């Protein structure tokens, strides 16, 4: 009886922690807790900077997808070393969309050089405050999942998740990136 519930959680949220963090973030959205990350001056945005923890699953996909549409983009990780390849599952997922992640190499956020024309795009609410120490007040910050329909501010790290969740998460990254690109006037 518990196995179907466990499978449902793993397939749709990545883990019990993913379910808890998703629920918490949805509640926080309902009370306006992420409003500051939705108030974006789109006319200023010339480059999208995708951020996740390891820079091997979520952020490289957003980066490569945005570039494939003609936009200026980069990606970094909060907790990674430099020069590691993308996760093989991300490479395979990207390939199904005609995207090549083979050349991706991780870059730690410490290597990021802020510009007032950047929009930093985090994948989890817990990424927001650490990002602020790498930027100044002129850099705008948002959450990828705030641009999904329906909104889902927390995109759980799929690194240790089952294949079904990994693919669902990557689909959400692409959908969120696509919606962000629609907000921008023209490719940069």
C-alpha atoms as a PDB file:
ATOM      1  CA  UNK A   1       0.000   0.000   0.000  1.00  0.00           C
ATOM      2  CA  UNK A   2       2.806   2.471   0.772  1.00  0.00           C
ATOM      3  CA  UNK A   3       4.822   1.611  -2.346  1.00  0.00           C
ATOM      4  CA  UNK A   4       2.386   3.343  -4.773  1.00  0.00           C
ATOM      5  CA  UNK A   5       2.490   6.482  -2.611  1.00  0.00           C
ATOM      6  CA  UNK A   6       6.290   6.415  -2.495  1.00  0.00           C
ATOM      7  CA  UNK A   7       6.439   5.955  -6.276  1.00  0.00           C
ATOM      8  CA  UNK A   8       3.988   8.824  -6.808  1.00  0.00           C
ATOM      9  CA  UNK A   9       6.082  11.140  -4.625  1.00  0.00           C
ATOM     10  CA  UNK A  10       9.349  10.125  -6.286  1.00  0.00           C
ATOM     11  CA  UNK A  11       7.940  10.413  -9.817  1.00  0.00           C
ATOM     12  CA  UNK A  12       6.297  13.815  -9.252  1.00  0.00           C
ATOM     13  CA  UNK A  13       8.419  15.535  -6.578  1.00  0.00           C
ATOM     14  CA  UNK A  14      11.764  13.728  -6.654  1.00  0.00           C
ATOM     15  CA  UNK A  15      11.653  12.802  -2.972  1.00  0.00           C
ATOM     16  CA  UNK A  16       9.765  13.450   0.262  1.00  0.00           C
ATOM     17  CA  UNK A  17      11.922  16.541   0.738  1.00  0.00           C
ATOM     18  CA  UNK A  18      10.949  17.656  -2.760  1.00  0.00           C
ATOM     19  CA  UNK A  19       7.268  17.275  -1.883  1.00  0.00           C
ATOM     20  CA  UNK A  20       7.707  19.237   1.344  1.00  0.00           C
ATOM     21  CA  UNK A  21       9.676  22.048  -0.325  1.00  0.00           C
ATOM     22  CA  UNK A  22       7.231  22.226  -3.221  1.00  0.00           C
ATOM     23  CA  UNK A  23       4.296  22.478  -0.813  1.00  0.00           C
ATOM     24  CA  UNK A  24       6.047  25.130   1.270  1.00  0.00           C
ATOM     25  CA  UNK A  25       6.925  27.204  -1.786  1.00  0.00           C
ATOM     26  CA  UNK A  26       3.382  27.025  -3.170  1.00  0.00           C
ATOM     27  CA  UNK A  27       1.997  28.231   0.155  1.00  0.00           C
ATOM     28  CA  UNK A  28       4.572  31.045   0.265  1.00  0.00           C
ATOM     29  CA  UNK A  29       3.522  32.045  -3.263  1.00  0.00           C
ATOM     30  CA  UNK A  30      -0.101  32.266  -2.177  1.00  0.00           C
ATOM     31  CA  UNK A  31       0.745  34.836   0.499  1.00  0.00           C
ATOM     32  CA  UNK A  32       2.859  36.914  -1.908  1.00  0.00           C
ATOM     33  CA  UNK A  33       6.205  35.752  -0.579  1.00  0.00           C
ATOM     34  CA  UNK A  34       7.969  35.757  -3.945  1.00  0.00           C
ATOM     35  CA  UNK A  35       6.506  39.009  -5.272  1.00  0.00           C
ATOM     36  CA  UNK A  36       9.926  40.694  -5.309  1.00  0.00           C
ATOM     37  CA  UNK A  37      11.183  37.993  -7.695  1.00  0.00           C
ATOM     38  CA  UNK A  38       8.300  38.585 -10.113  1.00  0.00           C
ATOM     39  CA  UNK A  39       8.729  42.357 -10.448  1.00  0.00           C
ATOM     40  CA  UNK A  40      11.168  42.319 -13.338  1.00  0.00           C
ATOM     41  CA  UNK A  41      12.084  45.299 -15.513  1.00  0.00           C
ATOM     42  CA  UNK A  42      12.105  43.339 -18.769  1.00  0.00           C
ATOM     43  CA  UNK A  43      13.463  46.273 -20.770  1.00  0.00           C
ATOM     44  CA  UNK A  44      16.743  46.017 -18.833  1.00  0.00           C
ATOM     45  CA  UNK A  45      17.309  42.293 -19.370  1.00  0.00           C
ATOM     46  CA  UNK A  46      19.979  41.501 -21.937  1.00  0.00           C
ATOM     47  CA  UNK A  47      21.395  38.281 -20.494  1.00  0.00           C
ATOM     48  CA  UNK A  48      19.848  35.356 -18.615  1.00  0.00           C
ATOM     49  CA  UNK A  49      22.036  33.717 -15.972  1.00  0.00           C
ATOM     50  CA  UNK A  50      20.700  30.304 -14.955  1.00  0.00           C
ATOM     51  CA  UNK A  51      21.678  29.086 -11.494  1.00  0.00           C
ATOM     52  CA  UNK A  52      21.287  25.720  -9.802  1.00  0.00           C
ATOM     53  CA  UNK A  53      23.262  23.784  -7.234  1.00  0.00           C
ATOM     54  CA  UNK A  54      25.672  21.690  -9.291  1.00  0.00           C
ATOM     55  CA  UNK A  55      25.390  23.297 -12.752  1.00  0.00           C
ATOM     56  CA  UNK A  56      24.968  19.868 -14.348  1.00  0.00           C
ATOM     57  CA  UNK A  57      21.198  19.297 -14.708  1.00  0.00           C
ATOM     58  CA  UNK A  58      18.863  22.288 -14.551  1.00  0.00           C
ATOM     59  CA  UNK A  59      20.879  25.425 -15.239  1.00  0.00           C
ATOM     60  CA  UNK A  60      22.860  24.136 -18.249  1.00  0.00           C
ATOM     61  CA  UNK A  61      19.617  23.106 -19.936  1.00  0.00           C
ATOM     62  CA  UNK A  62      18.105  26.583 -19.430  1.00  0.00           C
ATOM     63  CA  UNK A  63      21.331  28.141 -20.728  1.00  0.00           C
ATOM     64  CA  UNK A  64      21.565  25.999 -23.873  1.00  0.00           C
ATOM     65  CA  UNK A  65      17.837  26.285 -24.586  1.00  0.00           C
ATOM     66  CA  UNK A  66      17.938  30.109 -24.362  1.00  0.00           C
ATOM     67  CA  UNK A  67      21.012  30.227 -26.606  1.00  0.00           C
ATOM     68  CA  UNK A  68      19.271  27.952 -29.130  1.00  0.00           C
ATOM     69  CA  UNK A  69      16.563  30.615 -29.403  1.00  0.00           C
ATOM     70  CA  UNK A  70      19.132  33.354 -30.030  1.00  0.00           C
ATOM     71  CA  UNK A  71      19.334  34.821 -26.529  1.00  0.00           C
ATOM     72  CA  UNK A  72      22.429  35.691 -24.505  1.00  0.00           C
ATOM     73  CA  UNK A  73      22.666  33.236 -21.586  1.00  0.00           C
ATOM     74  CA  UNK A  74      25.098  31.596 -19.191  1.00  0.00           C
ATOM     75  CA  UNK A  75      24.854  29.187 -16.284  1.00  0.00           C
ATOM     76  CA  UNK A  76      26.567  28.684 -12.947  1.00  0.00           C
ATOM     77  CA  UNK A  77      26.302  26.447  -9.897  1.00  0.00           C
ATOM     78  CA  UNK A  78      26.235  27.444  -6.261  1.00  0.00           C
ATOM     79  CA  UNK A  79      27.888  24.259  -5.025  1.00  0.00           C
ATOM     80  CA  UNK A  80      30.136  22.961  -7.775  1.00  0.00           C
ATOM     81  CA  UNK A  81      33.671  22.850  -8.988  1.00  0.00           C
ATOM     82  CA  UNK A  82      34.680  24.037 -12.423  1.00  0.00           C
ATOM     83  CA  UNK A  83      34.958  22.102 -15.688  1.00  0.00           C
ATOM     84  CA  UNK A  84      32.728  19.074 -15.025  1.00  0.00           C
ATOM     85  CA  UNK A  85      30.395  17.907 -17.824  1.00  0.00           C
ATOM     86  CA  UNK A  86      26.627  18.040 -17.707  1.00  0.00           C
ATOM     87  CA  UNK A  87      24.830  15.046 -16.245  1.00  0.00           C
ATOM     88  CA  UNK A  88      24.457  12.353 -18.959  1.00  0.00           C
ATOM     89  CA  UNK A  89      20.684  12.376 -18.426  1.00  0.00           C
ATOM     90  CA  UNK A  90      20.599  16.143 -19.088  1.00  0.00           C
ATOM     91  CA  UNK A  91      22.686  15.601 -22.214  1.00  0.00           C
ATOM     92  CA  UNK A  92      20.255  12.904 -23.390  1.00  0.00           C
ATOM     93  CA  UNK A  93      17.197  14.997 -22.524  1.00  0.00           C
ATOM     94  CA  UNK A  94      18.622  17.974 -24.389  1.00  0.00           C
ATOM     95  CA  UNK A  95      19.350  15.790 -27.409  1.00  0.00           C
ATOM     96  CA  UNK A  96      15.639  14.875 -27.628  1.00  0.00           C
ATOM     97  CA  UNK A  97      15.006  18.594 -28.180  1.00  0.00           C
ATOM     98  CA  UNK A  98      17.880  19.022 -30.616  1.00  0.00           C
ATOM     99  CA  UNK A  99      20.050  20.715 -27.964  1.00  0.00           C
ATOM    100  CA  UNK A 100      23.716  19.884 -27.538  1.00  0.00           C
ATOM    101  CA  UNK A 101      24.912  19.892 -23.924  1.00  0.00           C
ATOM    102  CA  UNK A 102      28.046  17.856 -24.718  1.00  0.00           C
ATOM    103  CA  UNK A 103      30.302  20.908 -24.492  1.00  0.00           C
ATOM    104  CA  UNK A 104      28.901  22.190 -21.219  1.00  0.00           C
ATOM    105  CA  UNK A 105      31.367  22.518 -18.349  1.00  0.00           C
ATOM    106  CA  UNK A 106      30.393  23.546 -14.857  1.00  0.00           C
ATOM    107  CA  UNK A 107      31.219  26.981 -13.549  1.00  0.00           C
ATOM    108  CA  UNK A 108      30.980  28.039  -9.935  1.00  0.00           C
ATOM    109  CA  UNK A 109      29.038  31.194  -9.144  1.00  0.00           C
ATOM    110  CA  UNK A 110      32.270  32.703  -7.779  1.00  0.00           C
ATOM    111  CA  UNK A 111      33.266  33.139 -11.455  1.00  0.00           C
ATOM    112  CA  UNK A 112      30.163  35.202 -12.242  1.00  0.00           C
ATOM    113  CA  UNK A 113      30.725  38.853 -13.128  1.00  0.00           C
ATOM    114  CA  UNK A 114      27.496  40.792 -12.580  1.00  0.00           C
ATOM    115  CA  UNK A 115      25.987  43.255 -15.010  1.00  0.00           C
ATOM    116  CA  UNK A 116      22.956  45.454 -14.388  1.00  0.00           C
ATOM    117  CA  UNK A 117      21.492  43.940 -17.577  1.00  0.00           C
ATOM    118  CA  UNK A 118      21.472  40.410 -16.128  1.00  0.00           C
ATOM    119  CA  UNK A 119      18.512  38.438 -14.867  1.00  0.00           C
ATOM    120  CA  UNK A 120      19.634  35.702 -12.499  1.00  0.00           C
ATOM    121  CA  UNK A 121      17.276  32.729 -12.727  1.00  0.00           C
ATOM    122  CA  UNK A 122      17.422  30.409  -9.722  1.00  0.00           C
ATOM    123  CA  UNK A 123      15.767  27.016  -9.526  1.00  0.00           C
ATOM    124  CA  UNK A 124      14.911  26.925  -5.815  1.00  0.00           C
ATOM    125  CA  UNK A 125      13.918  29.572  -3.285  1.00  0.00           C
ATOM    126  CA  UNK A 126      16.959  28.584  -1.219  1.00  0.00           C
ATOM    127  CA  UNK A 127      19.134  29.881  -4.076  1.00  0.00           C
ATOM    128  CA  UNK A 128      17.873  33.441  -3.769  1.00  0.00           C
ATOM    129  CA  UNK A 129      19.695  34.713  -0.705  1.00  0.00           C
ATOM    130  CA  UNK A 130      23.075  33.158  -1.585  1.00  0.00           C
ATOM    131  CA  UNK A 131      22.833  34.796  -5.015  1.00  0.00           C
ATOM    132  CA  UNK A 132      22.519  38.214  -3.432  1.00  0.00           C
ATOM    133  CA  UNK A 133      26.071  37.994  -2.100  1.00  0.00           C
ATOM    134  CA  UNK A 134      27.404  37.617  -5.653  1.00  0.00           C
ATOM    135  CA  UNK A 135      25.503  40.598  -7.028  1.00  0.00           C
ATOM    136  CA  UNK A 136      24.695  44.179  -6.256  1.00  0.00           C
ATOM    137  CA  UNK A 137      21.245  45.722  -6.084  1.00  0.00           C
ATOM    138  CA  UNK A 138      21.269  46.512  -9.816  1.00  0.00           C
ATOM    139  CA  UNK A 139      21.056  42.816 -10.771  1.00  0.00           C
ATOM    140  CA  UNK A 140      17.560  41.379 -10.929  1.00  0.00           C
ATOM    141  CA  UNK A 141      16.835  37.907  -9.545  1.00  0.00           C
ATOM    142  CA  UNK A 142      13.931  35.549 -10.184  1.00  0.00           C
ATOM    143  CA  UNK A 143      12.911  31.913  -9.857  1.00  0.00           C
ATOM    144  CA  UNK A 144      12.426  29.887 -13.029  1.00  0.00           C
ATOM    145  CA  UNK A 145       9.297  28.218 -11.672  1.00  0.00           C
ATOM    146  CA  UNK A 146       7.550  31.555 -11.138  1.00  0.00           C
ATOM    147  CA  UNK A 147       7.156  31.679 -14.911  1.00  0.00           C
ATOM    148  CA  UNK A 148       5.477  28.285 -15.220  1.00  0.00           C
ATOM    149  CA  UNK A 149       1.752  27.851 -15.654  1.00  0.00           C
ATOM    150  CA  UNK A 150       0.804  26.857 -13.065  1.00  0.00           C
ATOM    151  CA  UNK A 151       3.467  28.540 -10.950  1.00  0.00           C
ATOM    152  CA  UNK A 152       5.857  26.152  -9.231  1.00  0.00           C
ATOM    153  CA  UNK A 153       8.601  28.187  -7.515  1.00  0.00           C
ATOM    154  CA  UNK A 154      10.563  25.171  -6.313  1.00  0.00           C
ATOM    155  CA  UNK A 155      12.175  22.971  -8.990  1.00  0.00           C
ATOM    156  CA  UNK A 156      13.693  20.142  -6.976  1.00  0.00           C
ATOM    157  CA  UNK A 157      17.227  19.095  -7.912  1.00  0.00           C
ATOM    158  CA  UNK A 158      16.767  15.983 -10.084  1.00  0.00           C
ATOM    159  CA  UNK A 159      20.347  14.729  -9.635  1.00  0.00           C
ATOM    160  CA  UNK A 160      19.455  11.872  -7.240  1.00  0.00           C
ATOM    161  CA  UNK A 161      15.915  11.406  -8.515  1.00  0.00           C
ATOM    162  CA  UNK A 162      14.319   8.665 -10.567  1.00  0.00           C
ATOM    163  CA  UNK A 163      14.220   8.955 -14.385  1.00  0.00           C
ATOM    164  CA  UNK A 164      10.538   9.949 -14.444  1.00  0.00           C
ATOM    165  CA  UNK A 165      11.131  12.927 -12.164  1.00  0.00           C
ATOM    166  CA  UNK A 166      14.381  13.879 -13.901  1.00  0.00           C
ATOM    167  CA  UNK A 167      12.526  14.253 -17.200  1.00  0.00           C
ATOM    168  CA  UNK A 168       9.597  16.119 -15.604  1.00  0.00           C
ATOM    169  CA  UNK A 169      11.999  18.552 -13.970  1.00  0.00           C
ATOM    170  CA  UNK A 170      13.890  19.169 -17.208  1.00  0.00           C
ATOM    171  CA  UNK A 171      10.571  19.711 -19.017  1.00  0.00           C
ATOM    172  CA  UNK A 172       9.719  22.368 -16.435  1.00  0.00           C
ATOM    173  CA  UNK A 173      13.086  24.073 -16.940  1.00  0.00           C
ATOM    174  CA  UNK A 174      12.443  24.271 -20.692  1.00  0.00           C
ATOM    175  CA  UNK A 175       8.868  25.525 -20.203  1.00  0.00           C
ATOM    176  CA  UNK A 176       9.964  28.167 -17.679  1.00  0.00           C
ATOM    177  CA  UNK A 177      12.814  29.291 -19.936  1.00  0.00           C
ATOM    178  CA  UNK A 178      10.462  29.520 -22.901  1.00  0.00           C
ATOM    179  CA  UNK A 179       8.066  31.682 -20.874  1.00  0.00           C
ATOM    180  CA  UNK A 180      10.932  33.911 -19.722  1.00  0.00           C
ATOM    181  CA  UNK A 181      12.047  34.369 -23.321  1.00  0.00           C
ATOM    182  CA  UNK A 182       8.533  35.484 -24.276  1.00  0.00           C
ATOM    183  CA  UNK A 183       8.885  38.342 -21.802  1.00  0.00           C
ATOM    184  CA  UNK A 184      12.010  39.603 -23.542  1.00  0.00           C
ATOM    185  CA  UNK A 185      11.451  41.791 -26.562  1.00  0.00           C
ATOM    186  CA  UNK A 186      14.008  40.360 -28.974  1.00  0.00           C
ATOM    187  CA  UNK A 187      17.022  38.066 -28.797  1.00  0.00           C
ATOM    188  CA  UNK A 188      20.054  39.865 -27.436  1.00  0.00           C
END
